[in-house]
Amino acid sequence: MLFSLAFRNLARNFRRTLAMVLTIGIGTGALLVFKGFNVGIMNQYRDNTIHARYGHGQINMKGYHNSVYEKPWKHWIEDYGSLKENLAKVPGVKLLFPRVNFFALLTNGEMNISGKGQGVDGKAEFSFFNTLNIVEGKNLSNEKEGIILGKGLARALNAKIGDRITVLGSTIYGSMNAVDTYVTGVFHTGSKEFDDSVFRIQLDLAHLLLDTKKVESVSLGMKGLGLWENIENFVADSDIDLESIPFHVLDKVYYQHSVDWLDAQFGVIQIIILVIVILGIFNTVSTSILERRQEVGNLRANGESRIEVLKLFSNEGFLVGVFGAFFGIFVVYAINLSFLKDGILMPPAPGLTRQFHVKIELQEWMAVQTFIIGTVTSFVATFLASLRVINQKISDLLRSV
């Protein structure tokens, strides 16, 4: 009965109701957009880290990641074939990427530049590491003698696609060795230090240069984000002395520190937005109730008790909150699916030199949370304003204009 009467009261004064619904809708919509933007940036950082450099994590010999060795190849994984078979049986494992890192000298016959090489399985990595920004040519795939260079390294060598580059290095036994390659692509990660020094060649070519079949580490592509625990359990039960390192530890400086910093910053901004939204809704709803003091006086004069009037107005506040919050969420979803489906173009983040798109990633828990905030705020504002009005004398209420 009260809900029906409250709904008719709202419909009777459409302009006033519309103003309150729009205020609540804009407030809850703004809060929902900010939450979606926040999640979008965090996920963008995460996906770039996973699909450009590290995968979901890597496996290497225990203690290797945090140690510096004079002869690091003595601490590499020897029997990769056996490890590969066992890892393939772990639930959630989709792809395996054996790698070796080494230092070498690159020469094009005119100049020599030192760099940090990565021997990778180009064919396996081609589809998974799809966020590596290739600015010229293409990523490594089936090219047996292909090499891709960081943008700064390519500029220093004045290298173009198809140019021959000789990689000079030493084998694990100390003798000099060299392999001939040709440039297939140039990449740009946005990290100047990385782009100025790193190059990638095929793992078989790196093994030939180093004269070994060992692998330094094995990066993994999982079927989902929550499956790394399976790898940790595998390592714990393994006969080999291994360690597993998730991607957020491998890239702690760029990824984890950036995410922690952004999370703290967004937390403060979210509190500010939340306070502004709540105050805006509270002010609009309270003003609407105060304008209806004469109506409250008439109800009281006709025998309605304070509690009944309070219930009526509280129900109105609840309904307005429901309509407003639903309207705000609906509009945000509609805009996100139409005008913002490609995301928002953002300037380079700290440590990067290229722009990137951030999608507004709306999730169910966000919609529920903002819906509750909008509805509860409207209800509380109406309740408090009504409480203030109904405690006035009937004569004072009837004289109100």
Protein backbone atom coordinates (compact mmCIF):
# COMPACT_ATOMS: atom_id res chain seq x y z
CA MET A 1 0.00 0.00 0.00
CA LEU A 2 2.73 2.46 0.99
CA PHE A 3 4.81 1.57 -2.07
CA SER A 4 1.81 2.17 -4.31
CA LEU A 5 1.10 5.53 -2.68
CA ALA A 6 4.78 6.48 -2.81
CA PHE A 7 4.93 5.64 -6.51
CA ARG A 8 1.85 7.77 -7.23
CA ASN A 9 3.39 10.68 -5.31
CA LEU A 10 6.51 10.44 -7.46
CA ALA A 11 4.47 10.28 -10.68
CA ARG A 12 2.35 13.26 -9.58
CA ASN A 13 5.32 15.65 -9.60
CA PHE A 14 7.28 14.39 -12.58
CA ARG A 15 9.75 17.28 -12.82
CA ARG A 16 10.85 17.00 -9.20
CA THR A 17 11.15 13.22 -9.47
CA LEU A 18 13.12 13.51 -12.72
CA ALA A 19 15.59 15.92 -11.11
CA MET A 20 16.24 13.48 -8.26
CA VAL A 21 16.52 10.47 -10.60
CA LEU A 22 19.01 12.32 -12.83
CA THR A 23 21.10 13.41 -9.85
CA ILE A 24 21.29 9.88 -8.47
CA GLY A 25 21.86 8.44 -11.96
CA ILE A 26 24.74 10.80 -12.74
CA GLY A 27 26.33 10.15 -9.36
CA THR A 28 26.13 6.37 -9.49
CA GLY A 29 27.11 6.38 -13.17
CA ALA A 30 30.22 8.46 -12.49
CA LEU A 31 31.24 6.13 -9.69
CA LEU A 32 30.70 3.07 -11.90
CA VAL A 33 32.74 4.56 -14.77
CA PHE A 34 35.62 5.35 -12.44
CA LYS A 35 35.63 1.82 -11.02
CA GLY A 36 35.58 0.35 -14.54
CA PHE A 37 38.38 2.67 -15.66
CA ASN A 38 40.46 1.69 -12.64
CA VAL A 39 40.04 -2.03 -13.35
CA GLY A 40 40.72 -1.44 -17.04
CA ILE A 41 44.08 0.19 -16.36
CA MET A 42 45.10 -2.54 -13.90
CA ASN A 43 44.16 -5.27 -16.39
CA GLN A 44 45.98 -3.44 -19.19
CA TYR A 45 49.17 -3.40 -17.15
CA ARG A 46 48.72 -7.07 -16.28
CA ASP A 47 48.03 -8.20 -19.85
CA ASN A 48 50.97 -6.22 -21.22
CA THR A 49 53.26 -7.85 -18.68
CA ILE A 50 51.97 -11.36 -19.42
CA HIS A 51 51.65 -11.19 -23.20
CA ALA A 52 54.69 -9.07 -24.02
CA ARG A 53 57.51 -10.42 -21.87
CA TYR A 54 57.00 -12.93 -19.07
CA GLY A 55 53.96 -15.10 -19.63
CA HIS A 56 52.09 -16.04 -16.45
CA GLY A 57 55.41 -16.84 -14.77
CA GLN A 58 58.54 -18.88 -15.18
CA ILE A 59 60.41 -21.86 -13.77
CA ASN A 60 64.16 -21.99 -13.21
CA MET A 61 66.62 -23.71 -10.91
CA LYS A 62 66.08 -22.88 -7.25
CA GLY A 63 67.74 -19.63 -6.15
CA TYR A 64 68.76 -18.69 -9.68
CA HIS A 65 66.47 -15.67 -10.06
CA ASN A 66 67.86 -13.78 -7.07
CA SER A 67 71.50 -14.80 -7.51
CA VAL A 68 74.41 -13.62 -9.65
CA TYR A 69 76.82 -16.28 -10.88
CA GLU A 70 80.18 -16.02 -12.59
CA LYS A 71 79.15 -18.91 -14.85
CA PRO A 72 75.33 -18.82 -14.87
CA TRP A 73 74.99 -21.66 -17.42
CA LYS A 74 76.11 -24.09 -14.72
CA HIS A 75 72.81 -23.36 -12.98
CA TRP A 76 70.55 -23.78 -16.01
CA ILE A 77 68.01 -26.55 -16.54
CA GLU A 78 69.72 -29.52 -18.18
CA ASP A 79 66.98 -31.99 -19.13
CA TYR A 80 64.34 -29.70 -20.60
CA GLY A 81 62.74 -32.54 -22.59
CA SER A 82 61.78 -34.44 -19.44
CA LEU A 83 60.63 -31.25 -17.69
CA LYS A 84 58.50 -30.35 -20.71
CA GLU A 85 56.69 -33.71 -20.60
CA ASN A 86 55.95 -33.35 -16.89
CA LEU A 87 54.80 -29.73 -17.15
CA ALA A 88 52.44 -30.59 -20.00
CA LYS A 89 50.56 -32.87 -17.58
CA VAL A 90 49.95 -30.09 -15.02
CA PRO A 91 46.30 -28.91 -15.08
CA GLY A 92 45.98 -25.44 -16.58
CA VAL A 93 49.24 -25.40 -18.54
CA LYS A 94 48.63 -24.31 -22.13
CA LEU A 95 52.01 -23.34 -23.60
CA LEU A 96 55.69 -23.64 -22.64
CA PHE A 97 58.40 -21.20 -23.70
CA PRO A 98 62.00 -22.28 -23.04
CA ARG A 99 64.45 -19.37 -23.00
CA VAL A 100 68.10 -18.48 -22.54
CA ASN A 101 69.60 -15.05 -21.90
CA PHE A 102 73.12 -14.08 -22.87
CA PHE A 103 75.30 -11.09 -23.67
CA ALA A 104 76.73 -10.68 -27.14
CA LEU A 105 78.15 -8.21 -29.62
CA LEU A 106 76.11 -7.27 -32.67
CA THR A 107 77.86 -6.11 -35.82
CA ASN A 108 76.70 -5.12 -39.27
CA GLY A 109 80.23 -4.77 -40.66
CA GLU A 110 80.43 -1.07 -39.90
CA MET A 111 79.76 -0.78 -36.19
CA ASN A 112 79.68 -3.03 -33.13
CA ILE A 113 77.03 -2.71 -30.42
CA SER A 114 76.78 -4.80 -27.27
CA GLY A 115 73.37 -6.13 -26.33
CA LYS A 116 71.47 -8.63 -24.23
CA GLY A 117 70.21 -11.55 -26.25
CA GLN A 118 67.23 -13.77 -25.62
CA GLY A 119 66.98 -17.17 -27.26
CA VAL A 120 63.28 -17.99 -27.67
CA ASP A 121 61.07 -20.52 -29.41
CA GLY A 122 59.70 -18.11 -32.01
CA LYS A 123 57.04 -20.45 -33.36
CA ALA A 124 55.61 -21.16 -29.90
CA GLU A 125 55.75 -17.54 -28.74
CA PHE A 126 54.35 -15.95 -31.89
CA SER A 127 50.65 -16.27 -31.00
CA PHE A 128 50.88 -15.90 -27.21
CA PHE A 129 53.11 -12.84 -26.91
CA ASN A 130 50.78 -10.71 -28.99
CA THR A 131 51.13 -7.40 -27.13
CA LEU A 132 54.80 -7.03 -28.00
CA ASN A 133 54.68 -3.85 -30.05
CA ILE A 134 56.32 -4.62 -33.41
CA VAL A 135 56.86 -1.26 -35.15
CA GLU A 136 58.66 -2.62 -38.23
CA GLY A 137 58.55 -6.03 -39.88
CA LYS A 138 57.12 -8.88 -37.83
CA ASN A 139 57.80 -10.94 -34.73
CA LEU A 140 59.90 -14.09 -34.79
CA SER A 141 58.03 -17.14 -36.02
CA ASN A 142 59.53 -19.80 -38.29
CA GLU A 143 62.59 -17.80 -39.39
CA LYS A 144 65.56 -19.97 -38.43
CA GLU A 145 68.07 -17.13 -38.74
CA GLY A 146 65.75 -14.27 -37.84
CA ILE A 147 66.50 -11.60 -35.26
CA ILE A 148 64.27 -8.89 -33.81
CA LEU A 149 65.82 -5.80 -32.29
CA GLY A 150 64.70 -3.27 -29.72
CA LYS A 151 63.94 0.09 -31.33
CA GLY A 152 66.92 1.83 -29.73
CA LEU A 153 69.27 -1.00 -30.64
CA ALA A 154 68.05 -1.00 -34.25
CA ARG A 155 68.57 2.76 -34.44
CA ALA A 156 72.11 2.45 -33.09
CA LEU A 157 72.93 -0.18 -35.73
CA ASN A 158 71.01 1.71 -38.42
CA ALA A 159 69.41 -1.66 -39.15
CA LYS A 160 66.55 -2.13 -41.59
CA ILE A 161 64.33 -5.13 -42.26
CA GLY A 162 66.34 -7.77 -44.12
CA ASP A 163 69.76 -6.44 -43.09
CA ARG A 164 72.37 -9.01 -42.11
CA ILE A 165 73.54 -8.89 -38.49
CA THR A 166 76.30 -11.06 -37.04
CA VAL A 167 75.98 -12.03 -33.38
CA LEU A 168 79.35 -12.55 -31.67
CA GLY A 169 79.57 -14.27 -28.31
CA SER A 170 81.38 -16.88 -26.31
CA THR A 171 80.35 -20.47 -25.76
CA ILE A 172 79.88 -21.85 -22.26
CA TYR A 173 83.38 -23.31 -22.65
CA GLY A 174 84.96 -19.89 -23.19
CA SER A 175 85.70 -19.99 -26.91
CA MET A 176 84.46 -17.31 -29.33
CA ASN A 177 81.59 -18.11 -31.65
CA ALA A 178 79.34 -16.30 -34.10
CA VAL A 179 76.03 -16.79 -35.89
CA ASP A 180 74.64 -14.90 -38.87
CA THR A 181 71.12 -13.51 -38.74
CA TYR A 182 68.88 -11.16 -40.68
CA VAL A 183 66.52 -8.55 -39.22
CA THR A 184 62.88 -9.64 -39.34
CA GLY A 185 61.40 -7.04 -37.00
CA VAL A 186 61.88 -4.12 -34.63
CA PHE A 187 59.94 -3.95 -31.35
CA HIS A 188 59.10 -1.11 -29.00
CA THR A 189 58.06 -1.99 -25.45
CA GLY A 190 58.14 1.59 -24.20
CA SER A 191 60.87 0.78 -21.67
CA LYS A 192 63.93 2.65 -22.97
CA GLU A 193 66.41 0.46 -21.12
CA PHE A 194 64.87 -2.67 -22.63
CA ASP A 195 64.49 -1.26 -26.15
CA ASP A 196 68.09 0.01 -26.23
CA SER A 197 69.75 -3.29 -25.40
CA VAL A 198 67.60 -6.39 -26.01
CA PHE A 199 67.39 -8.55 -29.11
CA ARG A 200 65.82 -11.94 -29.72
CA ILE A 201 66.89 -14.89 -31.85
CA GLN A 202 65.64 -18.45 -32.19
CA LEU A 203 66.46 -20.77 -29.29
CA ASP A 204 68.22 -23.24 -31.60
CA LEU A 205 70.44 -20.45 -32.89
CA ALA A 206 71.22 -19.35 -29.33
CA HIS A 207 72.10 -22.95 -28.43
CA LEU A 208 74.44 -23.04 -31.44
CA LEU A 209 76.09 -19.80 -30.36
CA LEU A 210 76.50 -20.92 -26.74
CA ASP A 211 77.27 -24.55 -27.64
CA THR A 212 74.75 -25.99 -25.17
CA LYS A 213 71.29 -27.57 -25.06
CA LYS A 214 70.45 -26.23 -21.61
CA VAL A 215 67.67 -23.71 -21.03
CA GLU A 216 67.88 -20.91 -18.50
CA SER A 217 64.19 -20.73 -17.70
CA VAL A 218 60.79 -21.89 -18.89
CA SER A 219 58.04 -19.31 -19.19
CA LEU A 220 54.47 -20.60 -19.07
CA GLY A 221 51.23 -19.62 -20.70
CA MET A 222 48.35 -20.74 -18.50
CA LYS A 223 44.69 -21.24 -19.41
CA GLY A 224 43.64 -18.74 -16.76
CA LEU A 225 44.94 -16.29 -14.18
CA GLY A 226 44.08 -18.33 -11.11
CA LEU A 227 46.00 -21.46 -12.04
CA TRP A 228 49.54 -20.59 -10.99
CA GLU A 229 49.06 -22.51 -7.75
CA ASN A 230 49.15 -25.72 -9.83
CA ILE A 231 52.68 -24.83 -10.95
CA GLU A 232 53.74 -24.11 -7.38
CA ASN A 233 52.44 -27.52 -6.31
CA PHE A 234 54.26 -29.19 -9.20
CA VAL A 235 57.55 -27.52 -8.26
CA ALA A 236 57.10 -28.46 -4.60
CA ASP A 237 56.62 -32.13 -5.54
CA SER A 238 59.32 -32.20 -8.24
CA ASP A 239 62.48 -34.27 -7.88
CA ILE A 240 64.43 -31.43 -9.52
CA ASP A 241 65.45 -28.47 -7.36
CA LEU A 242 63.28 -25.87 -9.10
CA GLU A 243 61.49 -22.65 -8.19
CA SER A 244 58.41 -21.03 -9.70
CA ILE A 245 58.07 -17.25 -9.99
CA PRO A 246 54.78 -15.58 -11.01
CA PHE A 247 54.81 -12.66 -13.45
CA HIS A 248 54.08 -9.97 -10.84
CA VAL A 249 57.28 -10.92 -8.99
CA LEU A 250 59.35 -11.13 -12.18
CA ASP A 251 58.28 -7.62 -13.17
CA LYS A 252 57.98 -6.13 -9.71
CA VAL A 253 59.51 -2.76 -10.59
CA TYR A 254 57.35 -2.04 -13.63
CA TYR A 255 54.15 -3.99 -12.99
CA GLN A 256 53.69 -4.53 -9.26
CA HIS A 257 55.00 -1.14 -8.14
CA SER A 258 52.94 0.62 -10.81
CA VAL A 259 49.81 -1.27 -9.81
CA ASP A 260 50.37 -0.58 -6.10
CA TRP A 261 50.93 3.12 -6.81
CA LEU A 262 47.86 3.39 -9.05
CA ASP A 263 45.73 1.44 -6.58
CA ALA A 264 46.60 3.83 -3.75
CA GLN A 265 46.03 6.87 -5.95
CA PHE A 266 42.71 5.61 -7.29
CA GLY A 267 41.63 4.73 -3.76
CA VAL A 268 41.98 8.36 -2.67
CA ILE A 269 40.24 9.66 -5.80
CA GLN A 270 37.43 7.14 -5.35
CA ILE A 271 36.81 8.36 -1.80
CA ILE A 272 36.65 11.97 -3.06
CA ILE A 273 34.21 11.03 -5.83
CA LEU A 274 32.12 8.98 -3.41
CA VAL A 275 31.84 11.89 -0.97
CA ILE A 276 30.86 14.30 -3.77
CA VAL A 277 28.26 11.87 -5.11
CA ILE A 278 26.74 11.23 -1.68
CA LEU A 279 26.62 14.95 -0.84
CA GLY A 280 25.05 15.75 -4.23
CA ILE A 281 22.34 13.12 -3.82
CA PHE A 282 21.76 14.08 -0.20
CA ASN A 283 21.40 17.78 -1.06
CA THR A 284 18.96 17.20 -3.94
CA VAL A 285 16.75 14.76 -2.04
CA SER A 286 16.77 16.84 1.16
CA THR A 287 15.81 20.00 -0.73
CA SER A 288 12.94 18.14 -2.37
CA ILE A 289 11.60 16.99 1.00
CA LEU A 290 11.92 20.44 2.58
CA GLU A 291 9.89 21.92 -0.29
CA ARG A 292 7.02 19.61 0.68
CA ARG A 293 6.55 20.82 4.25
CA GLN A 294 3.03 22.07 3.53
CA GLU A 295 2.13 18.63 2.16
CA VAL A 296 3.47 17.07 5.37
CA GLY A 297 1.35 19.54 7.38
CA ASN A 298 -1.79 18.53 5.48
CA LEU A 299 -1.08 14.84 6.09
CA ARG A 300 -0.51 15.46 9.78
CA ALA A 301 -3.66 17.61 10.04
CA ASN A 302 -5.69 14.79 8.46
CA GLY A 303 -4.66 12.44 11.25
CA GLU A 304 -1.58 10.73 9.79
CA SER A 305 1.02 9.94 12.45
CA ARG A 306 4.66 10.97 12.27
CA ILE A 307 5.68 7.33 11.70
CA GLU A 308 3.27 6.89 8.77
CA VAL A 309 4.51 10.07 7.08
CA LEU A 310 8.11 9.01 7.69
CA LYS A 311 7.43 5.59 6.15
CA LEU A 312 5.75 7.16 3.11
CA PHE A 313 8.62 9.54 2.41
CA SER A 314 11.23 6.86 3.08
CA ASN A 315 9.54 4.58 0.54
CA GLU A 316 9.63 7.43 -1.96
CA GLY A 317 13.33 7.89 -1.30
CA PHE A 318 13.95 4.19 -1.76
CA LEU A 319 12.05 4.09 -5.06
CA VAL A 320 13.83 7.19 -6.38
CA GLY A 321 17.15 5.59 -5.41
CA VAL A 322 16.27 2.38 -7.27
CA PHE A 323 15.15 4.24 -10.40
CA GLY A 324 18.11 6.62 -10.35
CA ALA A 325 20.75 3.96 -9.73
CA PHE A 326 19.28 1.69 -12.40
CA PHE A 327 19.14 4.58 -14.86
CA GLY A 328 22.78 5.53 -14.20
CA ILE A 329 24.03 1.96 -14.58
CA PHE A 330 21.99 1.43 -17.77
CA VAL A 331 23.34 4.61 -19.39
CA VAL A 332 26.94 3.75 -18.48
CA TYR A 333 26.64 0.25 -19.97
CA ALA A 334 25.01 1.67 -23.12
CA ILE A 335 27.75 4.30 -23.61
CA ASN A 336 30.48 1.76 -22.89
CA LEU A 337 29.12 -0.68 -25.48
CA SER A 338 28.72 2.00 -28.15
CA PHE A 339 30.98 5.06 -27.90
CA LEU A 340 33.70 3.55 -25.69
CA LYS A 341 33.88 0.02 -27.08
CA ASP A 342 37.46 0.63 -28.30
CA GLY A 343 38.51 2.15 -24.98
CA ILE A 344 40.00 5.52 -24.10
CA LEU A 345 43.32 6.56 -25.63
CA MET A 346 45.70 7.32 -22.78
CA PRO A 347 49.04 9.16 -22.82
CA PRO A 348 52.20 7.17 -22.05
CA ALA A 349 52.32 5.84 -18.49
CA PRO A 350 55.38 6.40 -16.25
CA GLY A 351 58.37 4.64 -17.81
CA LEU A 352 56.67 4.22 -21.20
CA THR A 353 56.94 6.20 -24.42
CA ARG A 354 53.84 5.06 -26.32
CA GLN A 355 50.11 5.63 -25.96
CA PHE A 356 47.69 2.84 -25.16
CA HIS A 357 43.95 2.22 -25.05
CA VAL A 358 42.19 1.51 -21.77
CA LYS A 359 38.79 -0.14 -21.87
CA ILE A 360 36.14 0.61 -19.25
CA GLU A 361 35.84 -2.90 -17.82
CA LEU A 362 32.49 -3.11 -16.07
CA GLN A 363 31.89 -6.09 -13.82
CA GLU A 364 28.78 -7.33 -12.06
CA TRP A 365 30.08 -6.61 -8.56
CA MET A 366 30.70 -2.97 -9.56
CA ALA A 367 27.12 -2.55 -10.80
CA VAL A 368 25.74 -4.13 -7.61
CA GLN A 369 27.98 -1.98 -5.42
CA THR A 370 27.10 1.31 -7.11
CA PHE A 371 23.41 0.35 -7.19
CA ILE A 372 23.47 -0.20 -3.43
CA ILE A 373 25.35 3.07 -2.85
CA GLY A 374 22.85 5.09 -4.90
CA THR A 375 19.78 3.44 -3.36
CA VAL A 376 20.99 3.56 0.24
CA THR A 377 22.16 7.18 -0.07
CA SER A 378 18.78 8.26 -1.44
CA PHE A 379 16.94 6.35 1.29
CA VAL A 380 19.08 7.74 4.12
CA ALA A 381 18.89 11.31 2.76
CA THR A 382 15.10 11.09 2.50
CA PHE A 383 14.79 9.55 5.96
CA LEU A 384 16.92 12.23 7.66
CA ALA A 385 15.23 15.13 5.83
CA SER A 386 11.77 13.69 6.60
CA LEU A 387 12.71 13.21 10.24
CA ARG A 388 13.60 16.87 10.46
CA VAL A 389 10.34 17.99 8.82
CA ILE A 390 7.85 15.76 10.69
CA ASN A 391 9.10 16.98 14.06
CA GLN A 392 7.93 20.52 13.28
CA LYS A 393 4.59 21.80 14.55
CA ILE A 394 1.58 21.25 12.28
CA SER A 395 0.77 24.96 12.33
CA ASP A 396 4.31 25.83 11.18
CA LEU A 397 4.13 23.23 8.42
CA LEU A 398 0.78 24.53 7.13
CA ARG A 399 2.14 28.09 6.97
CA SER A 400 5.09 26.95 4.84
CA VAL A 401 5.14 28.11 1.23
